[in-house]
Protein backbone atom coordinates (compact mmCIF):
# COMPACT_ATOMS: atom_id res chain seq x y z
CA MET A 1 117.54 80.90 89.58
CA SER A 2 120.38 79.38 88.72
CA ASP A 3 122.31 80.87 85.12
CA LYS A 4 118.90 83.04 84.76
CA PHE A 5 119.29 86.24 83.39
CA ALA A 6 116.86 89.49 85.17
CA LEU A 7 116.33 92.92 84.75
CA VAL A 8 114.40 94.93 87.04
CA THR A 9 113.89 98.75 86.67
CA GLY A 10 114.09 100.93 89.64
CA GLY A 11 116.52 98.83 91.13
CA ALA A 12 119.04 101.17 92.88
CA GLY A 13 116.60 101.24 95.86
CA GLY A 14 113.66 100.17 97.90
CA LEU A 15 111.57 96.92 96.46
CA GLY A 16 113.42 96.78 93.32
CA LEU A 17 116.94 96.57 95.21
CA ALA A 18 115.44 94.22 97.72
CA ALA A 19 113.99 91.51 95.31
CA SER A 20 117.35 91.95 92.80
CA THR A 21 119.24 91.71 95.79
CA GLU A 22 117.06 87.63 96.41
CA LEU A 23 117.37 87.32 92.97
CA ALA A 24 120.76 87.56 92.77
CA ARG A 25 121.43 85.10 95.86
CA ALA A 26 119.25 82.55 94.23
CA GLY A 27 122.07 82.30 91.79
CA ALA A 28 120.60 85.04 88.87
CA GLU A 29 122.36 87.25 86.63
CA VAL A 30 120.66 90.75 87.62
CA ILE A 31 120.79 93.95 86.13
CA ILE A 32 119.43 96.84 88.20
CA ALA A 33 118.34 99.83 85.94
CA GLY A 34 117.45 103.10 86.72
CA ARG A 35 118.00 106.87 86.09
CA ASP A 36 121.24 107.50 88.09
CA PRO A 37 124.55 105.80 87.57
CA ASP A 38 125.74 106.73 90.86
CA ARG A 39 123.24 105.31 93.23
CA LEU A 40 123.05 102.35 90.40
CA ARG A 41 127.09 101.53 91.07
CA HIS A 42 126.87 101.99 95.07
CA ALA A 43 123.56 100.12 95.03
CA ALA A 44 125.55 96.72 93.48
CA ASP A 45 128.50 97.37 95.40
CA ARG A 46 126.57 97.03 98.43
CA VAL A 47 124.78 93.59 97.26
CA ARG A 48 128.18 92.47 96.45
CA ALA A 49 129.76 93.27 99.81
CA GLY A 50 127.19 91.16 101.30
CA LEU A 51 127.32 88.54 98.23
CA PRO A 52 130.98 88.21 96.83
CA GLU A 53 129.68 86.01 94.12
CA ALA A 54 126.85 87.97 93.06
CA ARG A 55 126.49 89.08 89.19
CA ILE A 56 124.64 92.21 89.57
CA ARG A 57 125.56 95.38 87.33
CA GLY A 58 123.63 98.85 86.81
CA GLU A 59 122.54 100.21 83.32
CA ARG A 60 121.04 103.70 83.03
CA LEU A 61 117.49 103.79 82.15
CA ASP A 62 114.78 106.82 82.40
CA LEU A 63 111.28 105.42 81.70
CA ALA A 64 110.24 108.75 80.82
CA SER A 65 112.31 108.84 78.05
CA LEU A 66 111.48 107.06 74.83
CA ALA A 67 115.04 107.82 73.44
CA SER A 68 116.55 106.13 76.82
CA VAL A 69 114.69 103.17 76.72
CA ARG A 70 115.96 102.33 73.25
CA GLU A 71 119.08 102.66 74.18
CA LEU A 72 119.03 99.79 76.73
CA ALA A 73 117.08 97.69 74.66
CA GLY A 74 119.87 98.08 72.25
CA ARG A 75 122.84 97.42 74.41
CA LEU A 76 121.02 94.43 75.67
CA ALA A 77 120.31 93.47 72.26
CA GLU A 78 124.08 94.32 70.89
CA ARG A 79 124.80 91.50 73.89
CA GLY A 80 122.60 88.61 72.62
CA ARG A 81 121.93 87.52 76.20
CA PRO A 82 118.19 85.69 76.22
CA LEU A 83 116.47 87.44 79.10
CA ASP A 84 114.51 85.16 81.45
CA LEU A 85 112.60 87.92 83.97
CA LEU A 86 111.29 91.21 83.39
CA VAL A 87 110.29 93.00 86.36
CA ASN A 88 108.51 96.63 85.77
CA ASN A 89 109.08 97.80 88.91
CA ALA A 90 109.37 101.19 88.83
CA ALA A 91 107.23 104.16 89.92
CA VAL A 92 106.78 108.06 90.54
CA LEU A 93 104.21 109.28 92.45
CA GLY A 94 102.56 112.54 93.63
CA ILE A 95 104.63 114.64 91.03
CA PRO A 96 102.70 118.35 92.27
CA ARG A 97 101.98 119.60 88.70
CA LEU A 98 101.20 118.86 85.37
CA THR A 99 104.54 117.81 84.12
CA HIS A 100 105.69 116.88 80.23
CA THR A 101 108.30 114.55 79.15
CA ASP A 102 110.23 115.26 76.09
CA ASP A 103 108.42 113.45 74.14
CA GLU A 104 105.44 115.70 75.39
CA PHE A 105 103.95 112.47 77.73
CA GLU A 106 102.50 113.46 81.14
CA LEU A 107 105.28 112.38 83.55
CA THR A 108 103.45 109.98 85.47
CA MET A 109 101.94 108.17 82.72
CA ALA A 110 105.09 107.61 80.91
CA THR A 111 107.22 106.38 83.96
CA ASN A 112 104.65 104.14 85.41
CA HIS A 113 103.17 102.94 81.72
CA LEU A 114 104.35 103.91 78.87
CA GLY A 115 108.06 103.55 79.61
CA HIS A 116 107.55 100.04 80.82
CA PHE A 117 105.18 99.11 77.53
CA ALA A 118 108.06 100.35 75.41
CA LEU A 119 110.80 98.71 77.56
CA THR A 120 108.49 95.62 77.31
CA GLY A 121 108.48 95.92 73.29
CA ARG A 122 111.79 95.96 72.45
CA LEU A 123 113.25 93.42 75.00
CA LEU A 124 110.35 91.21 74.20
CA PRO A 125 112.59 89.49 71.12
CA LEU A 126 115.21 88.57 73.96
CA LEU A 127 112.47 87.16 76.22
CA LEU A 128 111.05 85.02 73.58
CA ARG A 129 114.24 83.26 73.03
CA ALA A 130 114.56 82.00 77.00
CA PRO A 131 112.97 78.80 77.23
CA ASP A 132 110.14 80.30 79.83
CA PRO A 133 110.40 83.90 80.57
CA ARG A 134 108.25 85.60 82.67
CA VAL A 135 106.89 89.63 82.67
CA VAL A 136 106.02 90.82 86.01
CA THR A 137 104.53 94.29 86.44
CA VAL A 138 103.83 96.31 89.96
CA GLY A 139 100.78 97.37 90.25
CA SER A 140 98.48 98.82 93.21
CA VAL A 141 95.17 98.95 94.47
CA THR A 142 94.11 102.62 94.90
CA SER A 143 91.29 103.83 96.69
CA ARG A 144 88.48 104.68 94.05
CA LEU A 145 90.37 103.54 91.26
CA PRO A 146 89.39 105.56 88.39
CA VAL A 147 88.20 104.51 84.87
CA LEU A 148 90.78 105.35 82.67
CA ASP A 149 89.69 107.78 80.10
CA LEU A 150 92.03 106.98 77.05
CA PRO A 151 90.98 110.15 75.51
CA ASP A 152 92.74 112.30 78.16
CA LEU A 153 95.27 109.41 78.80
CA MET A 154 97.72 112.41 79.84
CA SER A 155 95.31 114.13 82.60
CA GLU A 156 95.34 117.51 80.39
CA ARG A 157 92.09 118.36 81.22
CA ASN A 158 92.02 117.39 85.32
CA TYR A 159 95.56 116.86 86.63
CA HIS A 160 96.10 115.66 90.32
CA PRO A 161 98.52 113.96 91.40
CA MET A 162 96.59 110.86 93.16
CA ALA A 163 94.59 110.28 90.11
CA ALA A 164 97.91 110.64 87.74
CA TYR A 165 98.85 107.95 89.89
CA ALA A 166 96.02 105.72 90.12
CA ARG A 167 95.43 106.04 86.22
CA SER A 168 98.89 104.92 85.70
CA LYS A 169 98.38 102.10 87.62
CA VAL A 170 95.05 101.05 85.97
CA ALA A 171 97.57 101.19 82.61
CA ALA A 172 99.55 99.01 84.08
CA LEU A 173 97.54 96.29 84.89
CA LEU A 174 95.56 96.80 82.01
CA PHE A 175 98.84 96.00 79.79
CA ALA A 176 99.76 93.17 82.16
CA LEU A 177 96.75 91.20 81.18
CA GLU A 178 96.78 92.01 77.68
CA LEU A 179 100.57 91.25 77.53
CA GLN A 180 99.61 87.63 78.46
CA ARG A 181 96.43 87.87 75.99
CA ARG A 182 98.74 88.79 73.14
CA ALA A 183 101.62 86.38 74.50
CA GLY A 184 99.47 83.37 74.54
CA GLY A 185 101.72 80.46 75.67
CA ALA A 186 105.01 82.13 74.72
CA LEU A 187 105.66 84.07 77.86
CA THR A 188 104.52 84.06 81.37
CA SER A 189 103.02 87.80 82.24
CA VAL A 190 101.50 88.61 85.73
CA ALA A 191 100.90 91.61 88.08
CA VAL A 192 101.60 91.96 91.76
CA LYS A 193 100.82 94.65 94.19
CA PRO A 194 103.00 94.56 97.40
CA GLY A 195 101.26 96.59 99.68
CA ARG A 196 102.55 99.84 101.62
CA ALA A 197 106.61 99.81 102.43
CA GLY A 198 108.87 102.12 103.71
CA THR A 199 110.31 103.76 100.17
CA GLU A 200 111.00 106.34 98.41
CA LEU A 201 107.68 106.48 96.27
CA TYR A 202 106.43 109.46 98.65
CA ARG A 203 109.86 111.62 97.77
CA HIS A 204 107.48 114.13 95.51
CA THR A 205 104.73 114.81 98.24
CA SER A 206 104.76 117.60 100.35
CA GLY A 207 102.01 119.43 102.40
CA PRO A 208 99.93 118.71 105.80
CA ILE A 209 97.39 116.20 103.86
CA TRP A 210 100.38 113.86 102.57
CA ARG A 211 101.96 113.91 106.04
CA VAL A 212 99.03 112.87 107.92
CA ARG A 213 98.98 110.32 105.17
CA ASN A 214 102.37 108.95 104.98
CA GLY A 215 102.22 108.98 108.76
CA VAL A 216 99.24 106.74 108.91
CA ASP A 217 100.91 104.69 106.38
CA ARG A 218 103.73 104.49 108.20
CA LEU A 219 102.20 102.75 110.81
CA LEU A 220 100.40 99.82 108.15
CA ARG A 221 103.28 99.71 106.13
CA GLN A 222 105.58 96.30 105.96
CA SER A 223 109.24 95.67 105.81
CA VAL A 224 110.89 96.55 102.61
CA GLU A 225 112.23 92.43 102.11
CA GLN A 226 108.41 91.48 103.31
CA ALA A 227 106.63 93.52 100.64
CA ALA A 228 109.52 92.46 97.92
CA SER A 229 108.71 88.74 98.42
CA ALA A 230 105.42 88.91 97.06
CA ILE A 231 107.30 89.95 93.63
CA LEU A 232 109.84 87.60 94.36
CA TYR A 233 107.17 85.00 94.45
CA VAL A 234 105.21 86.25 91.43
CA ALA A 235 108.56 86.49 89.66
CA THR A 236 109.79 82.72 90.49
CA ALA A 237 107.25 80.27 91.51
CA PRO A 238 106.52 77.41 88.90
CA ASP A 239 102.43 77.36 90.07
CA VAL A 240 101.36 81.36 89.68
CA VAL A 241 98.66 81.81 87.03
CA PRO A 242 99.27 83.57 84.05
CA GLY A 243 97.44 86.98 83.46
CA GLY A 244 96.73 86.53 87.62
CA PHE A 245 97.15 89.79 89.77
CA TYR A 246 98.81 88.82 93.53
CA THR A 247 98.97 90.88 96.49
CA ALA A 248 101.06 90.39 99.54
CA SER A 249 99.57 88.04 102.16
CA GLY A 250 100.31 90.40 104.93
CA GLY A 251 101.87 87.61 106.91
CA ARG A 252 105.29 86.26 107.22
CA GLY A 253 106.06 83.11 105.33
CA ARG A 254 102.96 82.94 103.53
CA ALA A 255 102.81 82.70 100.03
CA PRO A 256 101.34 86.31 98.03
CA ARG A 257 97.55 85.26 97.27
CA LEU A 258 95.39 85.48 93.68
CA ILE A 259 92.56 88.51 94.11
CA PRO A 260 90.10 89.48 91.82
CA LEU A 261 90.76 92.04 88.91
CA PRO A 262 89.79 95.80 89.89
CA GLY A 263 86.77 96.36 87.80
CA PRO A 264 88.34 99.41 86.19
CA VAL A 265 90.73 96.68 84.27
CA ARG A 266 88.30 93.71 83.52
CA ASP A 267 87.06 95.52 80.13
CA ARG A 268 88.73 93.74 77.35
CA ASP A 269 88.02 96.49 75.41
CA ARG A 270 89.76 99.12 76.99
CA ALA A 271 92.82 96.90 77.30
CA ARG A 272 92.95 96.36 73.50
CA ASN A 273 92.46 100.15 72.89
CA LEU A 274 95.20 100.88 75.31
CA TRP A 275 97.32 99.11 74.32
CA LEU A 276 96.88 100.45 70.54
CA LYS A 277 97.36 104.19 71.73
CA SER A 278 100.52 102.77 73.89
CA GLU A 279 102.04 101.58 70.19
CA ALA A 280 100.99 104.81 68.54
CA LEU A 281 102.28 106.80 70.98
CA THR A 282 105.62 105.33 71.43
CA GLY A 283 106.24 103.76 68.23
CA VAL A 284 106.93 100.26 69.52
CA ARG A 285 105.08 97.75 67.87
CA PRO A 286 105.43 93.91 69.90
CA VAL A 287 105.60 91.16 67.77
CA PHE A 288 104.35 87.92 69.03
CA PRO A 289 104.56 84.66 67.45
CA ALA A 290 101.81 83.90 64.80
CA ARG A 291 100.49 80.31 66.90
CA SER A 292 100.29 82.17 70.11
CA THR A 293 98.12 85.58 69.33
CA ALA A 294 94.93 85.83 70.64
CA VAL A 295 94.03 89.50 69.99
């Protein structure tokens, strides 16, 4: 990754920080993006304490705010450096009540899908200036994945924390696949399911059901570093399948494997319609080279 430039959302901790650390170790210049400037600064300092030559810095980004996405993309556009790798990693889970952002989006969908859609679209000119750009979207295969209800994308009619998370991850996978279809050979878009790991993803959850679930999960979780290795593989390996969906193998030293797409994300019409709705909601309309557009 020498001389590569990467941006990782949710990079102040968990999988994002673990992946960012290894990207920096491999020679990349890395931006870790997140909401808390102090956490970002401390995270970058910790990485440099162990890797004095690491080129890593924090940039403030609130994915639940279109203004924040626009501001970060504007700062990077001013610097003008081509972006080789974008890792759409940040996520929230278990928001207890229907919560709206300043843009009037449901918070889980705003953070896990719409924010990343807008960020990718605004950074697309920098990505397309890199020789071999790649976008990695961190997905999930939760139990009983729902079919995305586009008319009720914000879960206004029936909000449940886990269902909202599952829907947002279906949207993220649909986005990753539609991005590849639209980009053609202009970039590589790939999705990955790192699997359970001991991160802060469950910090919003509470109550007896969640305590039991978290206890079971703790028994099944892999290390943060092992889960992050799946992200690193799809971010850097030369043989990943564009538009593919990978999962951690569960075995140390083994490459993640390509898995079949979940049923709810195989519908190309639904992916296209979600893309168009995401454009309308965010006001971001990604433009691809005409020769690579395949809609």
